[in-house]
Amino acid sequence: MPGPTHNPDPTIYVTCRDINTDEIFRRRGQGMGDEDFEFTKCPLCNAIFLVDEEHLTIYLDPDDLTNREAHGEICPNCVRRWIIENRSLTDWDVTWDEFEQSDWSWAATRPAPK
């Protein structure tokens, strides 16, 4: 998955600044302190997940944030190796259109146009 220096265009992609962490905690996201939430998608099947990069946790179900596991190189949805060299950094980024059509749409707000 993209590293911390990756800065996708916030008018196209959901960024960490758009995530409603208070709502994630209210819905029983971990809340262990120092969370680093981001949304990512599998570049193979396009399944969208909430990830806490600080605690290496992937949230599997937007309706049940207690359903989570350690994230690794295998997509929990298609069960294929999603960490593949030579992919574009944007392959894992979630567009606003994808996000707003997903069950995760409650967890972030698109920034107002400037």
N, C-alpha and C. Protein backbone atom coordinates (compact mmCIF):
# COMPACT_ATOMS: atom_id res chain seq x y z
N MET A 1 0.83 -1.17 0.00
CA MET A 1 0.00 0.00 0.00
C MET A 1 0.88 1.24 0.00
N PRO A 2 0.34 2.35 -0.43
CA PRO A 2 1.15 3.57 -0.52
C PRO A 2 1.74 3.97 0.82
N GLY A 3 2.90 4.58 0.77
CA GLY A 3 3.57 5.03 1.97
C GLY A 3 3.14 6.41 2.39
N PRO A 4 3.70 6.91 3.50
CA PRO A 4 3.27 8.19 4.05
C PRO A 4 3.57 9.41 3.19
N THR A 5 4.44 9.30 2.19
CA THR A 5 4.76 10.45 1.35
C THR A 5 3.79 10.58 0.17
N HIS A 6 2.90 9.64 0.03
CA HIS A 6 1.92 9.64 -1.06
C HIS A 6 0.84 10.67 -0.74
N ASN A 7 0.60 11.63 -1.64
CA ASN A 7 -0.39 12.68 -1.43
C ASN A 7 -1.35 12.74 -2.60
N PRO A 8 -2.43 11.93 -2.56
CA PRO A 8 -3.38 11.95 -3.67
C PRO A 8 -4.16 13.26 -3.71
N ASP A 9 -4.66 13.60 -4.86
CA ASP A 9 -5.46 14.81 -5.06
C ASP A 9 -6.76 14.69 -4.26
N PRO A 10 -6.99 15.55 -3.24
CA PRO A 10 -8.17 15.42 -2.38
C PRO A 10 -9.48 15.76 -3.08
N THR A 11 -9.42 16.32 -4.26
CA THR A 11 -10.67 16.56 -5.00
C THR A 11 -11.13 15.31 -5.73
N ILE A 12 -10.23 14.34 -5.89
CA ILE A 12 -10.54 13.09 -6.59
C ILE A 12 -10.60 11.92 -5.62
N TYR A 13 -9.67 11.88 -4.66
CA TYR A 13 -9.52 10.73 -3.77
C TYR A 13 -9.85 11.07 -2.32
N VAL A 14 -10.36 10.10 -1.58
CA VAL A 14 -10.58 10.24 -0.14
C VAL A 14 -9.21 10.26 0.53
N THR A 15 -8.97 11.25 1.39
CA THR A 15 -7.70 11.34 2.10
C THR A 15 -7.94 11.20 3.60
N CYS A 16 -6.88 11.04 4.34
CA CYS A 16 -7.00 10.89 5.80
C CYS A 16 -7.63 12.12 6.44
N ARG A 17 -7.47 13.29 5.84
CA ARG A 17 -8.07 14.51 6.39
C ARG A 17 -9.59 14.52 6.29
N ASP A 18 -10.14 13.70 5.42
CA ASP A 18 -11.59 13.66 5.20
C ASP A 18 -12.31 12.69 6.14
N ILE A 19 -11.57 11.85 6.82
CA ILE A 19 -12.15 10.77 7.63
C ILE A 19 -12.69 11.31 8.94
N ASN A 20 -13.88 10.86 9.29
CA ASN A 20 -14.54 11.26 10.53
C ASN A 20 -14.15 10.27 11.63
N THR A 21 -13.03 10.54 12.28
CA THR A 21 -12.52 9.63 13.31
C THR A 21 -13.46 9.54 14.50
N ASP A 22 -14.13 10.63 14.85
CA ASP A 22 -15.08 10.57 15.97
C ASP A 22 -16.18 9.54 15.70
N GLU A 23 -16.67 9.52 14.47
CA GLU A 23 -17.72 8.56 14.13
C GLU A 23 -17.17 7.14 14.11
N ILE A 24 -15.94 6.97 13.67
CA ILE A 24 -15.32 5.64 13.69
C ILE A 24 -15.20 5.15 15.12
N PHE A 25 -14.75 5.99 16.03
CA PHE A 25 -14.64 5.60 17.44
C PHE A 25 -16.03 5.32 18.03
N ARG A 26 -17.02 6.14 17.69
CA ARG A 26 -18.37 5.94 18.19
C ARG A 26 -18.91 4.58 17.76
N ARG A 27 -18.52 4.15 16.56
CA ARG A 27 -18.98 2.87 16.03
C ARG A 27 -18.06 1.71 16.43
N ARG A 28 -17.25 1.92 17.41
CA ARG A 28 -16.39 0.89 18.02
C ARG A 28 -15.13 0.57 17.24
N GLY A 29 -14.63 1.58 16.49
CA GLY A 29 -13.27 1.46 15.96
C GLY A 29 -12.34 1.41 17.16
N GLN A 30 -11.15 0.95 17.02
CA GLN A 30 -10.29 0.64 18.16
C GLN A 30 -10.13 1.76 19.17
N GLY A 31 -9.75 2.94 18.75
CA GLY A 31 -9.57 4.03 19.69
C GLY A 31 -8.47 3.79 20.70
N MET A 32 -7.36 3.19 20.27
CA MET A 32 -6.24 2.90 21.16
C MET A 32 -5.30 4.09 21.29
N GLY A 33 -5.54 5.13 20.53
CA GLY A 33 -4.66 6.30 20.53
C GLY A 33 -3.70 6.25 19.37
N ASP A 34 -3.46 7.41 18.79
CA ASP A 34 -2.50 7.56 17.70
C ASP A 34 -2.89 6.80 16.44
N GLU A 35 -4.21 6.66 16.19
CA GLU A 35 -4.66 5.98 14.98
C GLU A 35 -4.24 6.78 13.74
N ASP A 36 -3.99 6.07 12.68
CA ASP A 36 -3.62 6.67 11.40
C ASP A 36 -4.53 6.02 10.34
N PHE A 37 -5.79 6.49 10.31
CA PHE A 37 -6.79 5.89 9.42
C PHE A 37 -6.62 6.37 7.99
N GLU A 38 -6.91 5.45 7.07
CA GLU A 38 -7.01 5.78 5.65
C GLU A 38 -7.91 4.75 5.00
N PHE A 39 -8.46 5.12 3.87
CA PHE A 39 -9.23 4.15 3.09
C PHE A 39 -8.35 3.65 1.97
N THR A 40 -8.48 2.38 1.70
CA THR A 40 -7.72 1.77 0.62
C THR A 40 -8.64 0.80 -0.09
N LYS A 41 -8.27 0.46 -1.31
CA LYS A 41 -9.03 -0.56 -2.03
C LYS A 41 -8.06 -1.57 -2.61
N CYS A 42 -8.56 -2.75 -2.79
CA CYS A 42 -7.77 -3.79 -3.44
C CYS A 42 -7.69 -3.45 -4.92
N PRO A 43 -6.49 -3.36 -5.48
CA PRO A 43 -6.37 -3.05 -6.91
C PRO A 43 -6.81 -4.20 -7.81
N LEU A 44 -7.11 -5.35 -7.22
CA LEU A 44 -7.53 -6.51 -8.02
C LEU A 44 -9.05 -6.66 -8.06
N CYS A 45 -9.72 -6.43 -6.92
CA CYS A 45 -11.18 -6.63 -6.89
C CYS A 45 -11.94 -5.35 -6.54
N ASN A 46 -11.23 -4.27 -6.21
CA ASN A 46 -11.81 -2.96 -5.89
C ASN A 46 -12.60 -2.92 -4.58
N ALA A 47 -12.46 -3.93 -3.73
CA ALA A 47 -13.09 -3.88 -2.41
C ALA A 47 -12.44 -2.76 -1.59
N ILE A 48 -13.26 -2.01 -0.86
CA ILE A 48 -12.79 -0.88 -0.07
C ILE A 48 -12.71 -1.27 1.40
N PHE A 49 -11.63 -0.83 2.04
CA PHE A 49 -11.41 -1.12 3.46
C PHE A 49 -10.93 0.12 4.18
N LEU A 50 -11.27 0.21 5.46
CA LEU A 50 -10.66 1.19 6.35
C LEU A 50 -9.44 0.53 6.96
N VAL A 51 -8.32 1.25 6.96
CA VAL A 51 -7.07 0.71 7.50
C VAL A 51 -6.54 1.67 8.55
N ASP A 52 -6.04 1.11 9.62
CA ASP A 52 -5.29 1.88 10.62
C ASP A 52 -3.83 1.49 10.44
N GLU A 53 -3.08 2.34 9.77
CA GLU A 53 -1.68 2.05 9.47
C GLU A 53 -0.82 2.01 10.74
N GLU A 54 -1.20 2.77 11.74
CA GLU A 54 -0.41 2.81 12.99
C GLU A 54 -0.45 1.48 13.72
N HIS A 55 -1.63 0.84 13.74
CA HIS A 55 -1.79 -0.42 14.46
C HIS A 55 -1.89 -1.62 13.53
N LEU A 56 -1.64 -1.39 12.23
CA LEU A 56 -1.63 -2.45 11.22
C LEU A 56 -2.92 -3.27 11.25
N THR A 57 -4.04 -2.55 11.26
CA THR A 57 -5.36 -3.17 11.36
C THR A 57 -6.18 -2.80 10.13
N ILE A 58 -6.90 -3.79 9.61
CA ILE A 58 -7.82 -3.54 8.50
C ILE A 58 -9.23 -3.86 8.99
N TYR A 59 -10.13 -2.91 8.77
CA TYR A 59 -11.53 -3.06 9.15
C TYR A 59 -12.28 -3.65 7.97
N LEU A 60 -12.96 -4.76 8.20
CA LEU A 60 -13.55 -5.54 7.12
C LEU A 60 -15.01 -5.20 6.82
N ASP A 61 -15.73 -4.67 7.81
CA ASP A 61 -17.16 -4.49 7.66
C ASP A 61 -17.57 -3.09 8.14
N PRO A 62 -18.06 -2.24 7.25
CA PRO A 62 -18.44 -0.88 7.66
C PRO A 62 -19.59 -0.84 8.66
N ASP A 63 -20.34 -1.92 8.78
CA ASP A 63 -21.45 -1.98 9.73
C ASP A 63 -21.05 -2.60 11.06
N ASP A 64 -19.83 -3.13 11.15
CA ASP A 64 -19.36 -3.75 12.39
C ASP A 64 -17.85 -3.56 12.49
N LEU A 65 -17.44 -2.47 13.13
CA LEU A 65 -16.01 -2.16 13.20
C LEU A 65 -15.26 -3.05 14.19
N THR A 66 -15.95 -3.95 14.87
CA THR A 66 -15.24 -4.95 15.67
C THR A 66 -14.74 -6.08 14.77
N ASN A 67 -15.21 -6.13 13.54
CA ASN A 67 -14.77 -7.13 12.57
C ASN A 67 -13.52 -6.59 11.88
N ARG A 68 -12.38 -6.93 12.42
CA ARG A 68 -11.10 -6.41 11.92
C ARG A 68 -10.02 -7.46 12.13
N GLU A 69 -8.92 -7.26 11.41
CA GLU A 69 -7.79 -8.19 11.53
C GLU A 69 -6.51 -7.45 11.18
N ALA A 70 -5.40 -8.09 11.45
CA ALA A 70 -4.11 -7.53 11.04
C ALA A 70 -4.07 -7.52 9.52
N HIS A 71 -3.62 -6.40 8.95
CA HIS A 71 -3.59 -6.38 7.49
C HIS A 71 -2.23 -6.80 6.98
N GLY A 72 -2.27 -7.42 5.82
CA GLY A 72 -1.05 -7.95 5.24
C GLY A 72 -1.10 -7.91 3.73
N GLU A 73 -0.51 -8.89 3.10
CA GLU A 73 -0.36 -8.89 1.65
C GLU A 73 -1.51 -9.55 0.91
N ILE A 74 -2.49 -10.10 1.63
CA ILE A 74 -3.60 -10.81 1.00
C ILE A 74 -4.88 -10.00 1.20
N CYS A 75 -5.61 -9.76 0.13
CA CYS A 75 -6.89 -9.05 0.22
C CYS A 75 -7.90 -9.93 0.95
N PRO A 76 -8.54 -9.40 1.99
CA PRO A 76 -9.54 -10.20 2.71
C PRO A 76 -10.78 -10.51 1.87
N ASN A 77 -11.01 -9.78 0.80
CA ASN A 77 -12.19 -10.00 -0.03
C ASN A 77 -11.93 -11.05 -1.12
N CYS A 78 -10.94 -10.84 -1.96
CA CYS A 78 -10.71 -11.76 -3.07
C CYS A 78 -9.65 -12.82 -2.76
N VAL A 79 -8.99 -12.67 -1.62
CA VAL A 79 -8.00 -13.61 -1.12
C VAL A 79 -6.86 -13.82 -2.13
N ARG A 80 -6.48 -12.73 -2.79
CA ARG A 80 -5.32 -12.75 -3.69
C ARG A 80 -4.28 -11.79 -3.14
N ARG A 81 -3.05 -11.99 -3.55
CA ARG A 81 -1.95 -11.13 -3.09
C ARG A 81 -2.10 -9.76 -3.74
N TRP A 82 -2.39 -8.75 -2.91
CA TRP A 82 -2.64 -7.40 -3.44
C TRP A 82 -1.44 -6.50 -3.34
N ILE A 83 -0.43 -6.88 -2.62
CA ILE A 83 0.80 -6.09 -2.54
C ILE A 83 1.72 -6.61 -3.65
N ILE A 84 1.72 -5.90 -4.75
CA ILE A 84 2.47 -6.32 -5.93
C ILE A 84 3.35 -5.15 -6.36
N GLU A 85 4.58 -5.44 -6.63
CA GLU A 85 5.52 -4.41 -7.09
C GLU A 85 5.05 -3.82 -8.42
N ASN A 86 5.54 -2.64 -8.70
CA ASN A 86 5.30 -1.95 -9.97
C ASN A 86 3.86 -1.52 -10.19
N ARG A 87 3.11 -1.34 -9.13
CA ARG A 87 1.77 -0.78 -9.24
C ARG A 87 1.86 0.72 -9.02
N SER A 88 0.98 1.46 -9.66
CA SER A 88 0.87 2.89 -9.42
C SER A 88 0.39 3.11 -8.00
N LEU A 89 0.86 4.16 -7.35
CA LEU A 89 0.41 4.45 -5.99
C LEU A 89 -1.09 4.68 -5.94
N THR A 90 -1.68 5.20 -7.00
CA THR A 90 -3.12 5.46 -6.99
C THR A 90 -3.95 4.18 -7.14
N ASP A 91 -3.33 3.05 -7.43
CA ASP A 91 -4.07 1.80 -7.54
C ASP A 91 -4.82 1.46 -6.25
N TRP A 92 -4.31 1.91 -5.12
CA TRP A 92 -4.92 1.61 -3.82
C TRP A 92 -5.82 2.75 -3.34
N ASP A 93 -5.76 3.89 -3.97
CA ASP A 93 -6.56 5.04 -3.55
C ASP A 93 -8.02 4.85 -3.91
N VAL A 94 -8.90 5.37 -3.07
CA VAL A 94 -10.34 5.27 -3.27
C VAL A 94 -10.84 6.62 -3.78
N THR A 95 -11.49 6.62 -4.93
CA THR A 95 -12.05 7.87 -5.45
C THR A 95 -13.30 8.21 -4.65
N TRP A 96 -13.67 9.50 -4.71
CA TRP A 96 -14.89 9.92 -4.03
C TRP A 96 -16.11 9.21 -4.61
N ASP A 97 -16.14 9.02 -5.91
CA ASP A 97 -17.29 8.34 -6.52
C ASP A 97 -17.40 6.90 -6.00
N GLU A 98 -16.28 6.19 -5.94
CA GLU A 98 -16.29 4.82 -5.40
C GLU A 98 -16.73 4.82 -3.94
N PHE A 99 -16.16 5.74 -3.17
CA PHE A 99 -16.42 5.81 -1.74
C PHE A 99 -17.89 6.12 -1.45
N GLU A 100 -18.44 7.10 -2.13
CA GLU A 100 -19.81 7.51 -1.87
C GLU A 100 -20.84 6.46 -2.28
N GLN A 101 -20.45 5.53 -3.13
CA GLN A 101 -21.33 4.43 -3.51
C GLN A 101 -21.13 3.20 -2.62
N SER A 102 -20.17 3.27 -1.71
CA SER A 102 -19.85 2.13 -0.85
C SER A 102 -20.61 2.21 0.48
N ASP A 103 -20.57 1.12 1.22
CA ASP A 103 -21.18 1.09 2.56
C ASP A 103 -20.36 1.88 3.57
N TRP A 104 -19.19 2.35 3.19
CA TRP A 104 -18.33 3.16 4.07
C TRP A 104 -18.67 4.65 3.98
N SER A 105 -19.63 5.04 3.18
CA SER A 105 -19.86 6.46 2.91
C SER A 105 -20.11 7.32 4.15
N TRP A 106 -20.51 6.72 5.26
CA TRP A 106 -20.74 7.45 6.50
C TRP A 106 -19.44 7.94 7.15
N ALA A 107 -18.30 7.38 6.76
CA ALA A 107 -17.06 7.56 7.51
C ALA A 107 -16.17 8.72 7.04
N ALA A 108 -16.58 9.45 6.03
CA ALA A 108 -15.79 10.58 5.56
C ALA A 108 -16.70 11.56 4.85
N THR A 109 -16.24 12.79 4.76
CA THR A 109 -17.00 13.85 4.09
C THR A 109 -16.15 14.46 3.00
N ARG A 110 -16.71 14.54 1.81
CA ARG A 110 -16.01 15.16 0.67
C ARG A 110 -15.81 16.65 0.99
N PRO A 111 -14.59 17.16 0.77
CA PRO A 111 -14.37 18.58 1.02
C PRO A 111 -15.17 19.45 0.05
N ALA A 112 -15.59 20.59 0.54
CA ALA A 112 -16.32 21.54 -0.31
C ALA A 112 -15.38 22.06 -1.39
N PRO A 113 -15.90 22.30 -2.58
CA PRO A 113 -15.05 22.87 -3.65
C PRO A 113 -14.55 24.25 -3.25
N LYS A 114 -13.36 24.56 -3.69
CA LYS A 114 -12.78 25.87 -3.37
C LYS A 114 -13.16 26.89 -4.39
